[in-house]
Amino acid sequence: MTRMDASVTPLRVGLLGYGLAGSVFHAPLIATTPGLALDTVVTSDPERQARARAAAGPDAGDVRTVASADELFARADELDLVVVATPNKTHVALARRALEAGLPVVVDKPLAATAAEADALADLAEERGLLLSAFQNRRWDNDFLTLRSLLDEGALGEVRRFESRFERWRPKPKGGWRESGDPAEIGGLLYDLGSHLADQALTLFGPAASVYAEVDVRRPGAEADDDSFIAVTHTSGVRSHLWMSAIAAQLGPRFRVLGSEAAYVKYGLDPQEASLREGARPAPGLPWGVEPEFAWGTLGTVEATRPVPTRDGAYPAYYDAVAVALHQGTPPPVTAREAAATLRVLEAARLSATESRVVSLA
């Protein structure tokens, strides 16, 4: 993991939004990244403002809270980076506003509702010479890092099928914009968990040639998709089968990857989100993202398998790479064009489910 020298003058970050994404993921990771400093948090909720100030700690007394994006952008010349962690429907407008103000931007996934919108933002960022990155933190999940290392080693042989799941047991809808049936909200699991699943598949196995999907609303009273499946055929020949569900009374394996020589099977979720929700923070020299041995995945065939030590999860690596990119001019850890490619898969999935057909992307 490449980290900035702690002696480097930190870049000042404005964080738009202090809900789940802002408070659990972005604020803690920004605040603990050398080369970055959380300067301003935007939320109109007084309780969230108080929590943001309290979470900043006694050594971060200069972290301020403001009630609106207007107040943040009025101080654009005092900031070096804007992070958009607001509801999905606001991502494009706020990212565009930041870029037009001359500020680099990180946007929580999904970057936009459509690939065309994502590409338009990428065009603007390139015209202005500004960083634009999507927060696809699941590339730094422990299981994903472990699988990637196994693929690099050729431990599975030729991969034929990649099975990946984000499943939950939530038989009753929770409500809120994430479960709204209004298309303008960009809610539902396809764009929520599907953004992670599709991004991981494309990162591992390359561009999609075709997409087939089943997108369903299962729970009584639910408005948005809560049980969906995507089959991606990659131009490499690998097939990715991706499940996202809120109605899984028993959970399937997080990964099941079938190769010509062996398979890798892994259950359970990376522990970093749970740690962040509990208030834990990554710190230099201290364990982070460590998984107990009983949770390790297995590698092998029906004749014999062996446990594979899970690599430590590394969410801090995302903002480390952002800091390096801003200080040194290197590429961001996730590009807007990569986010657009993910959105093309999700758009194709929606079309496939609506029209009951395979959608070609080649």
Protein backbone atom coordinates (compact mmCIF):
# COMPACT_ATOMS: atom_id res chain seq x y z
CA MET A 1 0.00 0.00 0.00
CA THR A 2 1.43 3.37 -1.03
CA ARG A 3 0.85 6.13 1.53
CA MET A 4 1.73 9.79 1.52
CA ASP A 5 4.44 11.01 3.86
CA ALA A 6 2.77 12.36 7.01
CA SER A 7 4.85 15.52 6.68
CA VAL A 8 3.15 16.50 3.40
CA THR A 9 0.74 19.39 3.74
CA PRO A 10 -2.68 17.70 3.70
CA LEU A 11 -5.26 18.53 1.07
CA ARG A 12 -8.52 19.95 2.39
CA VAL A 13 -11.59 17.80 1.74
CA GLY A 14 -15.23 18.82 1.64
CA LEU A 15 -17.67 15.97 2.27
CA LEU A 16 -21.20 16.31 0.91
CA GLY A 17 -23.54 14.08 2.90
CA TYR A 18 -23.32 12.42 6.31
CA GLY A 19 -25.70 9.49 6.05
CA LEU A 20 -24.51 5.89 5.91
CA ALA A 21 -21.92 6.42 3.17
CA GLY A 22 -20.58 9.69 4.53
CA SER A 23 -20.43 8.82 8.22
CA VAL A 24 -19.41 5.14 8.07
CA PHE A 25 -17.09 5.06 5.07
CA HIS A 26 -15.89 8.39 3.75
CA ALA A 27 -15.38 10.54 6.85
CA PRO A 28 -13.37 7.95 8.82
CA LEU A 29 -11.22 6.97 5.85
CA ILE A 30 -10.52 10.58 4.83
CA ALA A 31 -9.67 11.57 8.39
CA THR A 32 -7.13 8.74 8.74
CA THR A 33 -5.42 9.16 5.35
CA PRO A 34 -2.01 10.89 5.29
CA GLY A 35 -2.12 13.72 2.80
CA LEU A 36 -5.82 14.42 3.31
CA ALA A 37 -7.68 16.44 5.96
CA LEU A 38 -11.43 16.49 6.49
CA ASP A 39 -12.23 20.20 6.34
CA THR A 40 -16.02 20.53 5.95
CA VAL A 41 -19.03 18.23 6.27
CA VAL A 42 -22.29 19.20 4.57
CA THR A 43 -25.52 18.04 6.20
CA SER A 44 -28.67 19.97 7.07
CA ASP A 45 -29.56 17.59 9.90
CA PRO A 46 -28.55 19.10 13.29
CA GLU A 47 -28.07 15.67 14.86
CA ARG A 48 -25.78 14.58 12.04
CA GLN A 49 -23.89 17.87 12.31
CA ALA A 50 -23.27 17.15 15.99
CA ARG A 51 -22.18 13.58 15.24
CA ALA A 52 -19.81 14.79 12.52
CA ARG A 53 -18.16 17.26 14.89
CA ALA A 54 -17.94 14.67 17.67
CA ALA A 55 -16.51 12.03 15.35
CA ALA A 56 -13.79 14.43 14.20
CA GLY A 57 -12.22 14.13 17.65
CA PRO A 58 -10.38 16.62 19.86
CA ASP A 59 -7.49 17.01 17.41
CA ALA A 60 -9.73 18.03 14.52
CA GLY A 61 -11.35 21.14 15.93
CA ASP A 62 -11.15 22.93 12.59
CA VAL A 63 -13.60 20.48 10.96
CA ARG A 64 -16.70 22.54 10.28
CA THR A 65 -20.26 21.64 9.37
CA VAL A 66 -22.50 23.55 6.98
CA ALA A 67 -26.11 23.00 6.01
CA SER A 68 -25.96 23.24 2.22
CA ALA A 69 -23.86 22.61 -0.85
CA ASP A 70 -24.11 26.34 -1.61
CA GLU A 71 -22.19 27.10 1.59
CA LEU A 72 -19.52 24.58 0.64
CA PHE A 73 -19.07 25.85 -2.90
CA ALA A 74 -18.93 29.43 -1.67
CA ARG A 75 -15.58 28.38 -0.18
CA ALA A 76 -14.41 26.38 -3.19
CA ASP A 77 -11.09 28.21 -3.30
CA GLU A 78 -10.34 26.94 0.23
CA LEU A 79 -10.79 23.26 -0.71
CA ASP A 80 -8.72 20.74 -2.68
CA LEU A 81 -11.19 17.86 -3.08
CA VAL A 82 -14.94 17.31 -2.87
CA VAL A 83 -16.48 13.95 -1.95
CA VAL A 84 -20.11 13.34 -2.95
CA ALA A 85 -21.81 10.92 -0.53
CA THR A 86 -25.39 12.13 -0.99
CA PRO A 87 -28.44 10.21 -2.33
CA ASN A 88 -27.88 8.71 -5.79
CA LYS A 89 -30.11 11.12 -7.68
CA THR A 90 -27.89 14.08 -6.68
CA HIS A 91 -24.55 12.59 -7.71
CA VAL A 92 -24.32 13.98 -11.23
CA ALA A 93 -25.43 17.52 -10.43
CA LEU A 94 -23.10 17.85 -7.45
CA ALA A 95 -20.14 16.28 -9.22
CA ARG A 96 -20.63 18.61 -12.18
CA ARG A 97 -20.86 21.59 -9.88
CA ALA A 98 -17.61 20.62 -8.17
CA LEU A 99 -15.79 20.14 -11.46
CA GLU A 100 -17.07 23.46 -12.76
CA ALA A 101 -15.74 25.05 -9.58
CA GLY A 102 -12.31 23.63 -10.41
CA LEU A 103 -12.35 20.91 -7.75
CA PRO A 104 -11.37 17.23 -8.08
CA VAL A 105 -14.21 14.89 -7.12
CA VAL A 106 -14.79 11.49 -5.56
CA VAL A 107 -18.37 10.22 -5.98
CA ASP A 108 -19.89 7.34 -4.09
CA LYS A 109 -21.17 4.56 -6.34
CA PRO A 110 -23.08 4.60 -8.58
CA LEU A 111 -21.41 7.58 -10.24
CA ALA A 112 -24.57 8.30 -12.23
CA ALA A 113 -27.85 6.79 -13.38
CA THR A 114 -26.57 6.08 -16.90
CA ALA A 115 -23.29 5.43 -18.65
CA ALA A 116 -23.91 8.47 -20.84
CA GLU A 117 -24.07 10.73 -17.77
CA ALA A 118 -20.90 9.15 -16.38
CA ASP A 119 -19.08 9.65 -19.68
CA ALA A 120 -20.22 13.28 -19.81
CA LEU A 121 -18.78 13.86 -16.35
CA ALA A 122 -15.57 12.12 -17.42
CA ASP A 123 -15.37 14.40 -20.46
CA LEU A 124 -15.75 17.47 -18.26
CA ALA A 125 -13.11 16.25 -15.81
CA GLU A 126 -10.68 15.57 -18.64
CA GLU A 127 -11.34 18.99 -20.19
CA ARG A 128 -10.59 20.65 -16.84
CA GLY A 129 -7.65 18.39 -16.02
CA LEU A 130 -9.32 17.29 -12.77
CA LEU A 131 -9.52 13.98 -10.94
CA LEU A 132 -12.90 12.24 -11.03
CA SER A 133 -13.19 8.89 -9.30
CA ALA A 134 -15.98 6.56 -8.19
CA PHE A 135 -15.79 5.05 -4.70
CA GLN A 136 -15.79 1.34 -5.51
CA ASN A 137 -14.42 0.27 -2.15
CA ARG A 138 -15.28 -3.40 -2.63
CA ARG A 139 -12.18 -3.75 -4.82
CA TRP A 140 -10.37 -3.67 -1.46
CA ASP A 141 -12.49 -6.34 0.25
CA ASN A 142 -10.42 -9.12 1.78
CA ASP A 143 -11.98 -11.87 -0.36
CA PHE A 144 -11.56 -9.90 -3.59
CA LEU A 145 -7.89 -9.21 -2.83
CA THR A 146 -7.37 -12.90 -2.03
CA LEU A 147 -9.08 -14.04 -5.22
CA ARG A 148 -7.09 -11.56 -7.29
CA SER A 149 -3.83 -12.92 -5.88
CA LEU A 150 -4.93 -16.50 -6.65
CA LEU A 151 -5.73 -15.49 -10.23
CA ASP A 152 -2.35 -13.79 -10.58
CA GLU A 153 -0.70 -17.02 -9.39
CA GLY A 154 -2.73 -19.12 -11.84
CA ALA A 155 -3.93 -21.25 -8.92
CA LEU A 156 -7.31 -22.01 -10.53
CA GLY A 157 -6.09 -22.62 -14.05
CA GLU A 158 -8.35 -21.14 -16.73
CA VAL A 159 -11.37 -19.54 -15.06
CA ARG A 160 -14.65 -20.66 -16.62
CA ARG A 161 -17.25 -19.20 -14.25
CA PHE A 162 -17.22 -16.53 -11.56
CA GLU A 163 -20.10 -16.66 -9.07
CA SER A 164 -20.47 -13.68 -6.74
CA ARG A 165 -23.19 -12.84 -4.23
CA PHE A 166 -24.30 -10.06 -1.95
CA GLU A 167 -27.25 -11.58 -0.13
CA ARG A 168 -29.20 -10.46 2.93
CA TRP A 169 -32.21 -11.61 4.90
CA ARG A 170 -34.51 -8.58 5.19
CA PRO A 171 -38.03 -9.93 4.71
CA LYS A 172 -39.59 -6.53 5.42
CA PRO A 173 -38.71 -3.38 3.46
CA LYS A 174 -36.92 -0.65 5.45
CA GLY A 175 -38.16 2.23 3.28
CA GLY A 176 -36.20 5.33 2.37
CA TRP A 177 -34.85 6.42 -0.99
CA ARG A 178 -32.75 3.26 -1.43
CA GLU A 179 -35.97 1.22 -1.63
CA SER A 180 -38.06 3.78 -3.50
CA GLY A 181 -39.79 2.72 -6.70
CA ASP A 182 -39.35 6.20 -8.20
CA PRO A 183 -36.82 5.78 -11.06
CA ALA A 184 -35.46 9.25 -10.30
CA GLU A 185 -34.16 7.98 -6.94
CA ILE A 186 -31.96 5.32 -8.61
CA GLY A 187 -32.86 2.92 -5.80
CA GLY A 188 -33.06 -0.86 -5.69
CA LEU A 189 -30.41 -3.54 -5.33
CA LEU A 190 -29.42 -3.57 -9.01
CA TYR A 191 -27.76 -0.16 -8.68
CA ASP A 192 -26.82 -0.56 -5.01
CA LEU A 193 -25.17 -3.95 -4.56
CA GLY A 194 -25.08 -4.57 -8.30
CA SER A 195 -22.68 -1.66 -8.72
CA HIS A 196 -20.15 -3.53 -6.57
CA LEU A 197 -20.74 -6.93 -8.14
CA ALA A 198 -20.47 -5.73 -11.73
CA ASP A 199 -17.41 -3.58 -10.99
CA GLN A 200 -15.61 -6.51 -9.38
CA ALA A 201 -16.44 -8.81 -12.30
CA LEU A 202 -15.23 -6.32 -14.91
CA THR A 203 -12.08 -5.59 -12.91
CA LEU A 204 -11.19 -9.28 -12.74
CA PHE A 205 -12.27 -10.56 -16.13
CA GLY A 206 -12.50 -7.60 -18.49
CA PRO A 207 -15.21 -6.03 -20.65
CA ALA A 208 -18.69 -7.46 -21.03
CA ALA A 209 -19.81 -8.84 -24.38
CA SER A 210 -23.40 -9.62 -23.38
CA VAL A 211 -25.75 -9.45 -20.42
CA TYR A 212 -28.78 -11.44 -19.31
CA ALA A 213 -30.67 -10.49 -16.13
CA GLU A 214 -33.67 -11.22 -13.91
CA VAL A 215 -34.77 -8.22 -11.85
CA ASP A 216 -37.61 -8.85 -9.40
CA VAL A 217 -39.60 -7.15 -6.63
CA ARG A 218 -40.46 -9.92 -4.18
CA ARG A 219 -41.37 -8.57 -0.74
CA PRO A 220 -44.91 -7.41 0.07
CA GLY A 221 -44.95 -3.63 0.03
CA ALA A 222 -41.58 -3.35 -1.71
CA GLU A 223 -41.28 -0.85 -4.56
CA ALA A 224 -37.75 -1.38 -5.89
CA ASP A 225 -35.96 -4.52 -7.03
CA ASP A 226 -34.93 -6.65 -4.06
CA ASP A 227 -33.95 -9.94 -5.72
CA SER A 228 -31.91 -9.79 -8.90
CA PHE A 229 -29.49 -11.86 -10.97
CA ILE A 230 -27.07 -10.84 -13.73
CA ALA A 231 -25.22 -13.16 -16.10
CA VAL A 232 -22.31 -11.47 -17.86
CA THR A 233 -20.39 -13.05 -20.71
CA HIS A 234 -17.01 -11.35 -20.88
CA THR A 235 -15.08 -10.83 -24.10
CA SER A 236 -12.43 -13.01 -22.41
CA GLY A 237 -14.86 -15.94 -22.44
CA VAL A 238 -15.40 -16.00 -18.67
CA ARG A 239 -19.01 -16.04 -17.51
CA SER A 240 -19.90 -14.08 -14.35
CA HIS A 241 -23.06 -14.97 -12.43
CA LEU A 242 -23.97 -12.21 -9.99
CA TRP A 243 -26.69 -12.40 -7.34
CA MET A 244 -28.03 -9.59 -5.14
CA SER A 245 -30.91 -10.25 -2.79
CA ALA A 246 -32.71 -9.05 0.33
CA ILE A 247 -34.73 -12.27 0.65
CA ALA A 248 -32.03 -14.92 1.16
CA ALA A 249 -33.11 -16.84 4.26
CA GLN A 250 -29.84 -18.77 3.98
CA LEU A 251 -26.79 -17.20 2.36
CA GLY A 252 -24.84 -18.69 -0.50
CA PRO A 253 -21.06 -18.40 -0.86
CA ARG A 254 -19.74 -14.90 -1.35
CA PHE A 255 -17.49 -16.28 -4.11
CA ARG A 256 -17.49 -19.56 -6.00
CA VAL A 257 -14.95 -19.44 -8.78
CA LEU A 258 -14.61 -22.44 -11.07
CA GLY A 259 -11.39 -22.99 -13.00
CA SER A 260 -9.86 -25.74 -15.14
CA GLU A 261 -7.54 -26.82 -12.32
CA ALA A 262 -9.34 -25.87 -9.10
CA ALA A 263 -12.15 -23.87 -7.53
CA TYR A 264 -12.09 -21.19 -4.85
CA VAL A 265 -15.07 -20.99 -2.48
CA LYS A 266 -15.46 -18.28 0.13
CA TYR A 267 -18.30 -17.58 2.56
CA GLY A 268 -18.95 -14.51 4.67
CA LEU A 269 -18.41 -10.77 4.29
CA ASP A 270 -15.30 -8.67 4.65
CA PRO A 271 -15.18 -7.35 8.26
CA GLN A 272 -14.23 -3.75 7.47
CA GLU A 273 -17.74 -2.32 7.16
CA ALA A 274 -18.76 -3.85 10.49
CA SER A 275 -15.62 -2.43 12.12
CA LEU A 276 -16.30 1.05 10.75
CA ARG A 277 -19.93 0.90 11.87
CA GLU A 278 -18.73 0.04 15.38
CA GLY A 279 -16.47 3.09 15.42
CA ALA A 280 -13.14 1.39 14.78
CA ARG A 281 -10.64 3.32 12.66
CA PRO A 282 -7.61 2.16 10.65
CA ALA A 283 -4.31 3.28 12.15
CA PRO A 284 -0.68 2.79 11.08
CA GLY A 285 0.92 -0.27 12.63
CA LEU A 286 -2.34 -1.71 13.94
CA PRO A 287 -4.25 -4.68 12.47
CA TRP A 288 -7.05 -3.78 10.08
CA GLY A 289 -9.40 -5.87 7.97
CA VAL A 290 -8.10 -9.10 9.52
CA GLU A 291 -10.25 -12.21 9.20
CA PRO A 292 -10.13 -15.18 11.61
CA GLU A 293 -8.85 -18.49 10.28
CA PHE A 294 -12.23 -20.21 10.55
CA ALA A 295 -13.60 -17.83 7.92
CA TRP A 296 -10.93 -18.51 5.29
CA GLY A 297 -12.01 -19.79 1.90
CA THR A 298 -10.91 -23.06 0.35
CA LEU A 299 -9.06 -23.93 -2.84
CA GLY A 300 -9.09 -27.28 -4.59
CA THR A 301 -11.29 -29.90 -6.19
CA VAL A 302 -13.72 -32.57 -4.98
CA GLU A 303 -10.68 -34.79 -4.33
CA ALA A 304 -8.98 -32.39 -1.94
CA THR A 305 -9.18 -28.80 -0.75
CA ARG A 306 -7.02 -26.61 1.44
CA PRO A 307 -7.78 -23.42 3.34
CA VAL A 308 -6.44 -20.22 1.81
CA PRO A 309 -5.42 -17.46 4.23
CA THR A 310 -7.56 -14.43 3.50
CA ARG A 311 -5.61 -11.29 2.77
CA ASP A 312 -6.35 -8.34 5.04
CA GLY A 313 -9.03 -5.99 3.75
CA ALA A 314 -7.69 -2.59 2.70
CA TYR A 315 -10.32 0.14 2.35
CA PRO A 316 -7.71 2.76 3.38
CA ALA A 317 -5.87 1.99 0.13
CA TYR A 318 -8.57 3.79 -1.88
CA TYR A 319 -8.06 7.19 -0.28
CA ASP A 320 -4.31 6.57 -0.06
CA ALA A 321 -4.35 6.28 -3.86
CA VAL A 322 -6.54 9.39 -4.17
CA ALA A 323 -4.08 11.37 -2.06
CA VAL A 324 -1.14 10.15 -4.15
CA ALA A 325 -3.01 10.95 -7.38
CA LEU A 326 -3.74 14.51 -6.25
CA HIS A 327 -0.25 15.15 -4.90
CA GLN A 328 1.69 13.45 -7.71
CA GLY A 329 -0.62 13.45 -10.73
CA THR A 330 -0.99 9.68 -10.97
CA PRO A 331 -4.27 8.07 -12.17
CA PRO A 332 -7.08 7.68 -9.61
CA PRO A 333 -7.74 4.24 -8.10
CA VAL A 334 -11.07 3.95 -9.96
CA THR A 335 -11.70 5.98 -13.10
CA ALA A 336 -14.95 7.52 -14.30
CA ARG A 337 -14.65 5.49 -17.52
CA GLU A 338 -14.56 2.30 -15.44
CA ALA A 339 -17.67 3.49 -13.61
CA ALA A 340 -19.35 4.10 -16.96
CA ALA A 341 -18.52 0.54 -18.07
CA THR A 342 -20.19 -0.79 -14.91
CA LEU A 343 -23.25 1.34 -15.59
CA ARG A 344 -23.47 -0.05 -19.13
CA VAL A 345 -23.75 -3.52 -17.62
CA LEU A 346 -26.45 -2.38 -15.17
CA GLU A 347 -28.41 -0.61 -17.92
CA ALA A 348 -28.17 -3.72 -20.08
CA ALA A 349 -29.37 -5.80 -17.12
CA ARG A 350 -32.43 -3.59 -16.68
CA LEU A 351 -33.20 -3.84 -20.41
CA SER A 352 -32.65 -7.60 -20.44
CA ALA A 353 -35.04 -8.13 -17.55
CA THR A 354 -37.67 -5.87 -19.09
CA GLU A 355 -37.52 -7.49 -22.53
CA SER A 356 -36.61 -11.06 -21.45
CA ARG A 357 -33.61 -11.28 -23.76
CA VAL A 358 -29.84 -11.26 -23.88
CA VAL A 359 -28.43 -7.78 -24.53
CA SER A 360 -25.26 -7.49 -26.59
CA LEU A 361 -22.63 -4.95 -25.60
CA ALA A 362 -19.90 -6.01 -28.04
